[in-house]
Amino acid sequence: MEEIRNLIMARKNFIIAIDGFSSCGKSTIAKALAKKLNFVFVDSGAMYRAVTLYFLRHKIDYTDHDAVVSALEDIHIDFVPNTDQVQIFLNNEDVSEDIRKMEISDKVSEVSAIREVRQAMVAQQQKLGMKRNIVMDGRDIGTTVFPDADLKIFMTADPNVRAERRYAELTAKGEQVTMEEVKANLSHRDHIDSTRAESPLRQAKDAVILDNSELNQSEQLDFVVDLYTRLRTK
């Protein structure tokens, strides 16, 4: 781990870290930003969702340390750029749609809080950022994965706005959920993400806050591109 950290500190590439709460549109803005800047987009949250999917499919007991460690050795995650999106593969299977289902959302924060899971995923994420210009979004990118990132954004939004966005996303895919279920899920995930012992969700001291409660995607992208441009032209 120390060797990886030293390599990251000596890097020449540009890293943009985007952290924040669930359903704030982190992945959407990160993906758009990467496309505009011709950077590599890495959705760290998708990695934890893929692990959660694997655990559910194989009935892994989260409290069984040996079972968790053994399962992680059999999990291989890859990102494959497509025409307008990035597909995520779990052991050579495209699980891009499966990991977005409500059953995964219900458990992903619990799985993400497991120390061994976070350590395994953080190591993979750091390797991805060694040599390439990247935009990575998640919960602990600017605090744990890349504390020396060149630009850090912390995204937030009104809880009701977040719930409405998530509800619209799920129902558009045909999932049968209620607004109350969505709000409860987001509240539950916020609590676990913010209070877990291993790299909790928190704003990095040098992160710029982006409250997008009343901003559309174009306005958000302009905001972040402006920050990037100013950094690059200093």
Protein backbone atom coordinates (compact mmCIF):
# COMPACT_ATOMS: atom_id res chain seq x y z
CA MET A 1 0.00 0.00 0.00
CA GLU A 2 2.88 2.39 0.83
CA GLU A 3 4.46 1.66 -2.54
CA ILE A 4 1.22 2.58 -4.32
CA ARG A 5 0.98 5.79 -2.28
CA ASN A 6 4.54 6.80 -3.24
CA LEU A 7 3.82 6.19 -6.93
CA ILE A 8 0.69 8.34 -6.74
CA MET A 9 2.57 11.18 -5.05
CA ALA A 10 5.15 11.10 -7.87
CA ARG A 11 2.57 11.10 -10.66
CA LYS A 12 2.42 13.58 -13.55
CA ASN A 13 -1.25 13.20 -14.45
CA PHE A 14 -4.25 15.30 -13.37
CA ILE A 15 -6.81 13.86 -10.94
CA ILE A 16 -10.28 15.29 -10.27
CA ALA A 17 -12.05 13.86 -7.20
CA ILE A 18 -15.81 14.26 -6.86
CA ASP A 19 -17.36 13.21 -3.54
CA GLY A 20 -20.77 13.69 -2.00
CA PHE A 21 -24.05 12.20 -0.87
CA SER A 22 -26.15 9.61 -2.70
CA SER A 23 -28.28 10.83 -5.62
CA CYS A 24 -26.50 14.15 -5.98
CA GLY A 25 -25.63 13.38 -9.59
CA LYS A 26 -21.93 12.72 -8.94
CA SER A 27 -21.58 10.07 -11.63
CA THR A 28 -23.54 12.11 -14.16
CA ILE A 29 -21.37 15.21 -13.79
CA ALA A 30 -18.16 13.17 -13.49
CA LYS A 31 -18.97 11.30 -16.71
CA ALA A 32 -19.79 14.51 -18.58
CA LEU A 33 -16.65 16.20 -17.27
CA ALA A 34 -14.41 13.29 -18.29
CA LYS A 35 -15.90 13.34 -21.78
CA LYS A 36 -15.41 17.09 -22.16
CA LEU A 37 -11.81 17.00 -20.92
CA ASN A 38 -10.98 13.68 -22.58
CA PHE A 39 -10.17 12.13 -19.18
CA VAL A 40 -10.87 8.59 -17.99
CA PHE A 41 -14.03 8.32 -15.89
CA VAL A 42 -14.03 5.93 -12.92
CA ASP A 43 -17.29 5.35 -11.02
CA SER A 44 -16.03 4.08 -7.66
CA GLY A 45 -19.56 3.61 -6.39
CA ALA A 46 -20.21 1.13 -9.18
CA MET A 47 -17.32 -0.95 -7.88
CA TYR A 48 -18.94 -1.26 -4.44
CA ARG A 49 -22.26 -2.03 -6.08
CA ALA A 50 -20.61 -4.83 -8.08
CA VAL A 51 -19.15 -6.29 -4.88
CA THR A 52 -22.59 -6.07 -3.26
CA LEU A 53 -24.15 -7.88 -6.21
CA TYR A 54 -21.56 -10.65 -5.93
CA PHE A 55 -22.13 -10.99 -2.18
CA LEU A 56 -25.90 -11.22 -2.62
CA ARG A 57 -25.67 -13.73 -5.44
CA HIS A 58 -23.28 -15.95 -3.49
CA LYS A 59 -24.96 -15.41 -0.11
CA ILE A 60 -21.79 -14.12 1.52
CA ASP A 61 -22.17 -13.41 5.25
CA TYR A 62 -20.90 -9.84 5.74
CA THR A 63 -19.90 -10.62 9.34
CA ASP A 64 -17.75 -13.61 8.35
CA HIS A 65 -14.26 -12.17 7.90
CA ASP A 66 -12.82 -15.23 6.18
CA ALA A 67 -15.79 -15.51 3.80
CA VAL A 68 -15.49 -11.83 2.83
CA VAL A 69 -11.73 -12.03 2.23
CA SER A 70 -12.12 -15.24 0.22
CA ALA A 71 -14.90 -13.73 -1.90
CA LEU A 72 -12.88 -10.60 -2.66
CA GLU A 73 -10.15 -12.77 -4.17
CA ASP A 74 -12.70 -14.02 -6.73
CA ILE A 75 -14.03 -10.58 -7.67
CA HIS A 76 -12.62 -8.92 -10.79
CA ILE A 77 -14.05 -5.56 -11.88
CA ASP A 78 -13.42 -3.81 -15.18
CA PHE A 79 -14.67 -0.59 -16.79
CA VAL A 80 -15.28 -0.64 -20.54
CA PRO A 81 -16.02 2.66 -22.35
CA ASN A 82 -18.97 2.52 -24.73
CA THR A 83 -20.41 5.06 -27.13
CA ASP A 84 -22.22 7.17 -24.53
CA GLN A 85 -21.50 5.40 -21.26
CA VAL A 86 -19.05 3.27 -19.33
CA GLN A 87 -20.06 -0.34 -18.78
CA ILE A 88 -18.99 -2.17 -15.64
CA PHE A 89 -18.09 -5.84 -15.81
CA LEU A 90 -18.06 -8.23 -12.86
CA ASN A 91 -16.00 -11.32 -13.67
CA ASN A 92 -16.51 -10.68 -17.41
CA GLU A 93 -20.29 -10.15 -17.06
CA ASP A 94 -21.84 -6.79 -17.91
CA VAL A 95 -23.69 -5.84 -14.72
CA SER A 96 -24.23 -2.16 -15.54
CA GLU A 97 -28.01 -2.45 -15.12
CA ASP A 98 -28.14 -5.03 -12.33
CA ILE A 99 -26.05 -2.96 -9.92
CA ARG A 100 -28.51 -0.03 -10.12
CA LYS A 101 -31.49 -1.98 -8.78
CA MET A 102 -33.07 -1.10 -5.44
CA GLU A 103 -31.99 -4.38 -3.82
CA ILE A 104 -28.37 -3.35 -4.38
CA SER A 105 -29.02 0.19 -3.12
CA ASP A 106 -30.48 -1.29 0.05
CA LYS A 107 -27.24 -3.13 0.87
CA VAL A 108 -24.40 -1.27 -0.79
CA SER A 109 -23.65 1.05 2.13
CA GLU A 110 -23.38 -1.90 4.50
CA VAL A 111 -20.99 -3.70 2.16
CA SER A 112 -19.02 -0.50 1.57
CA ALA A 113 -18.50 -0.11 5.32
CA ILE A 114 -16.62 -3.42 5.56
CA ARG A 115 -12.96 -2.65 6.10
CA GLU A 116 -11.62 -5.40 3.85
CA VAL A 117 -13.93 -4.37 1.02
CA ARG A 118 -12.87 -0.73 1.21
CA GLN A 119 -9.19 -1.61 1.33
CA ALA A 120 -9.49 -3.86 -1.72
CA MET A 121 -11.43 -1.28 -3.74
CA VAL A 122 -9.23 1.65 -2.72
CA ALA A 123 -6.14 -0.27 -3.87
CA GLN A 124 -7.77 -0.88 -7.27
CA GLN A 125 -8.84 2.76 -7.54
CA GLN A 126 -5.37 4.06 -6.74
CA LYS A 127 -3.83 1.84 -9.40
CA LEU A 128 -6.26 3.29 -11.95
CA GLY A 129 -5.03 6.79 -11.11
CA MET A 130 -1.30 6.20 -11.38
CA LYS A 131 -0.68 7.11 -15.02
CA ARG A 132 -3.86 8.55 -16.54
CA ASN A 133 -5.82 11.79 -16.30
CA ILE A 134 -8.95 10.71 -14.45
CA VAL A 135 -12.23 11.92 -12.99
CA MET A 136 -13.33 9.67 -10.13
CA ASP A 137 -16.46 10.02 -8.04
CA GLY A 138 -17.42 8.40 -4.76
CA ARG A 139 -17.54 8.99 -1.02
CA ASP A 140 -13.88 9.10 -0.01
CA ILE A 141 -11.97 9.95 -3.19
CA GLY A 142 -10.63 13.32 -2.04
CA THR A 143 -9.98 12.18 1.53
CA THR A 144 -8.69 8.61 1.29
CA VAL A 145 -8.16 7.43 -2.28
CA PHE A 146 -6.52 10.59 -3.67
CA PRO A 147 -5.92 13.06 -0.81
CA ASP A 148 -3.51 14.89 -3.15
CA ALA A 149 -6.00 15.19 -6.02
CA ASP A 150 -5.51 18.32 -8.13
CA LEU A 151 -9.16 19.34 -7.90
CA LYS A 152 -11.69 18.21 -5.29
CA ILE A 153 -15.44 18.76 -5.51
CA PHE A 154 -17.94 17.94 -2.75
CA MET A 155 -21.48 17.65 -4.09
CA THR A 156 -24.63 18.06 -2.05
CA ALA A 157 -28.32 18.86 -2.58
CA ASP A 158 -31.54 19.23 -0.64
CA PRO A 159 -32.66 15.75 0.61
CA ASN A 160 -36.09 16.14 -1.01
CA VAL A 161 -34.52 17.02 -4.34
CA ARG A 162 -32.24 14.00 -4.10
CA ALA A 163 -35.17 11.72 -3.32
CA GLU A 164 -37.18 13.05 -6.27
CA ARG A 165 -34.26 12.45 -8.64
CA ARG A 166 -33.69 8.91 -7.38
CA TYR A 167 -37.40 8.08 -7.52
CA ALA A 168 -37.61 9.32 -11.11
CA GLU A 169 -34.55 7.27 -12.06
CA LEU A 170 -35.91 4.05 -10.56
CA THR A 171 -39.46 4.36 -11.87
CA ALA A 172 -38.14 5.17 -15.35
CA LYS A 173 -36.49 1.75 -15.28
CA GLY A 174 -39.75 0.10 -14.27
CA GLU A 175 -38.93 -0.54 -10.60
CA GLN A 176 -41.93 -0.57 -8.25
CA VAL A 177 -40.92 1.73 -5.39
CA THR A 178 -42.58 4.47 -3.34
CA MET A 179 -41.19 7.90 -2.56
CA GLU A 180 -41.18 6.95 1.14
CA GLU A 181 -38.99 3.91 0.40
CA VAL A 182 -36.57 6.04 -1.58
CA LYS A 183 -36.32 8.68 1.16
CA ALA A 184 -35.76 5.99 3.81
CA ASN A 185 -33.08 4.35 1.68
CA LEU A 186 -31.19 7.63 1.13
CA SER A 187 -31.38 8.51 4.83
CA HIS A 188 -30.12 5.06 5.78
CA ARG A 189 -27.23 5.25 3.31
CA ASP A 190 -26.27 8.78 4.43
CA HIS A 191 -26.08 7.59 8.04
CA ILE A 192 -23.94 4.54 7.27
CA ASP A 193 -21.68 6.40 4.83
CA SER A 194 -21.07 9.26 7.29
CA THR A 195 -20.56 7.20 10.45
CA ARG A 196 -18.64 4.13 9.27
CA ALA A 197 -15.23 3.59 10.85
CA GLU A 198 -13.38 2.98 7.57
CA SER A 199 -12.95 6.18 5.48
CA PRO A 200 -16.34 7.81 6.17
CA LEU A 201 -18.03 10.28 3.87
CA ARG A 202 -16.81 13.77 4.70
CA GLN A 203 -15.83 16.91 2.88
CA ALA A 204 -12.09 17.33 2.32
CA LYS A 205 -10.79 20.60 3.74
CA ASP A 206 -9.64 21.76 0.31
CA ALA A 207 -12.76 20.63 -1.58
CA VAL A 208 -15.05 23.10 -3.34
CA ILE A 209 -18.73 22.67 -2.42
CA LEU A 210 -21.20 22.26 -5.27
CA ASP A 211 -24.81 22.46 -4.08
CA ASN A 212 -26.81 21.51 -7.15
CA SER A 213 -30.31 21.68 -5.65
CA GLU A 214 -31.28 24.35 -8.18
CA LEU A 215 -28.72 23.76 -10.91
CA ASN A 216 -29.24 21.79 -14.10
CA GLN A 217 -26.56 19.49 -15.50
CA SER A 218 -25.23 22.09 -17.93
CA GLU A 219 -24.79 24.65 -15.15
CA GLN A 220 -23.02 22.11 -12.95
CA LEU A 221 -20.65 21.14 -15.74
CA ASP A 222 -19.83 24.78 -16.48
CA PHE A 223 -19.09 25.33 -12.78
CA VAL A 224 -16.58 22.48 -12.59
CA VAL A 225 -14.98 23.18 -15.99
CA ASP A 226 -14.41 26.77 -14.88
CA LEU A 227 -12.65 25.55 -11.74
CA TYR A 228 -10.49 23.20 -13.81
CA THR A 229 -9.62 25.90 -16.34
CA ARG A 230 -8.57 28.35 -13.64
CA LEU A 231 -6.31 25.72 -12.06
CA ARG A 232 -4.71 24.84 -15.38
CA THR A 233 -4.03 28.47 -16.31
CA LYS A 234 -2.46 29.55 -13.02
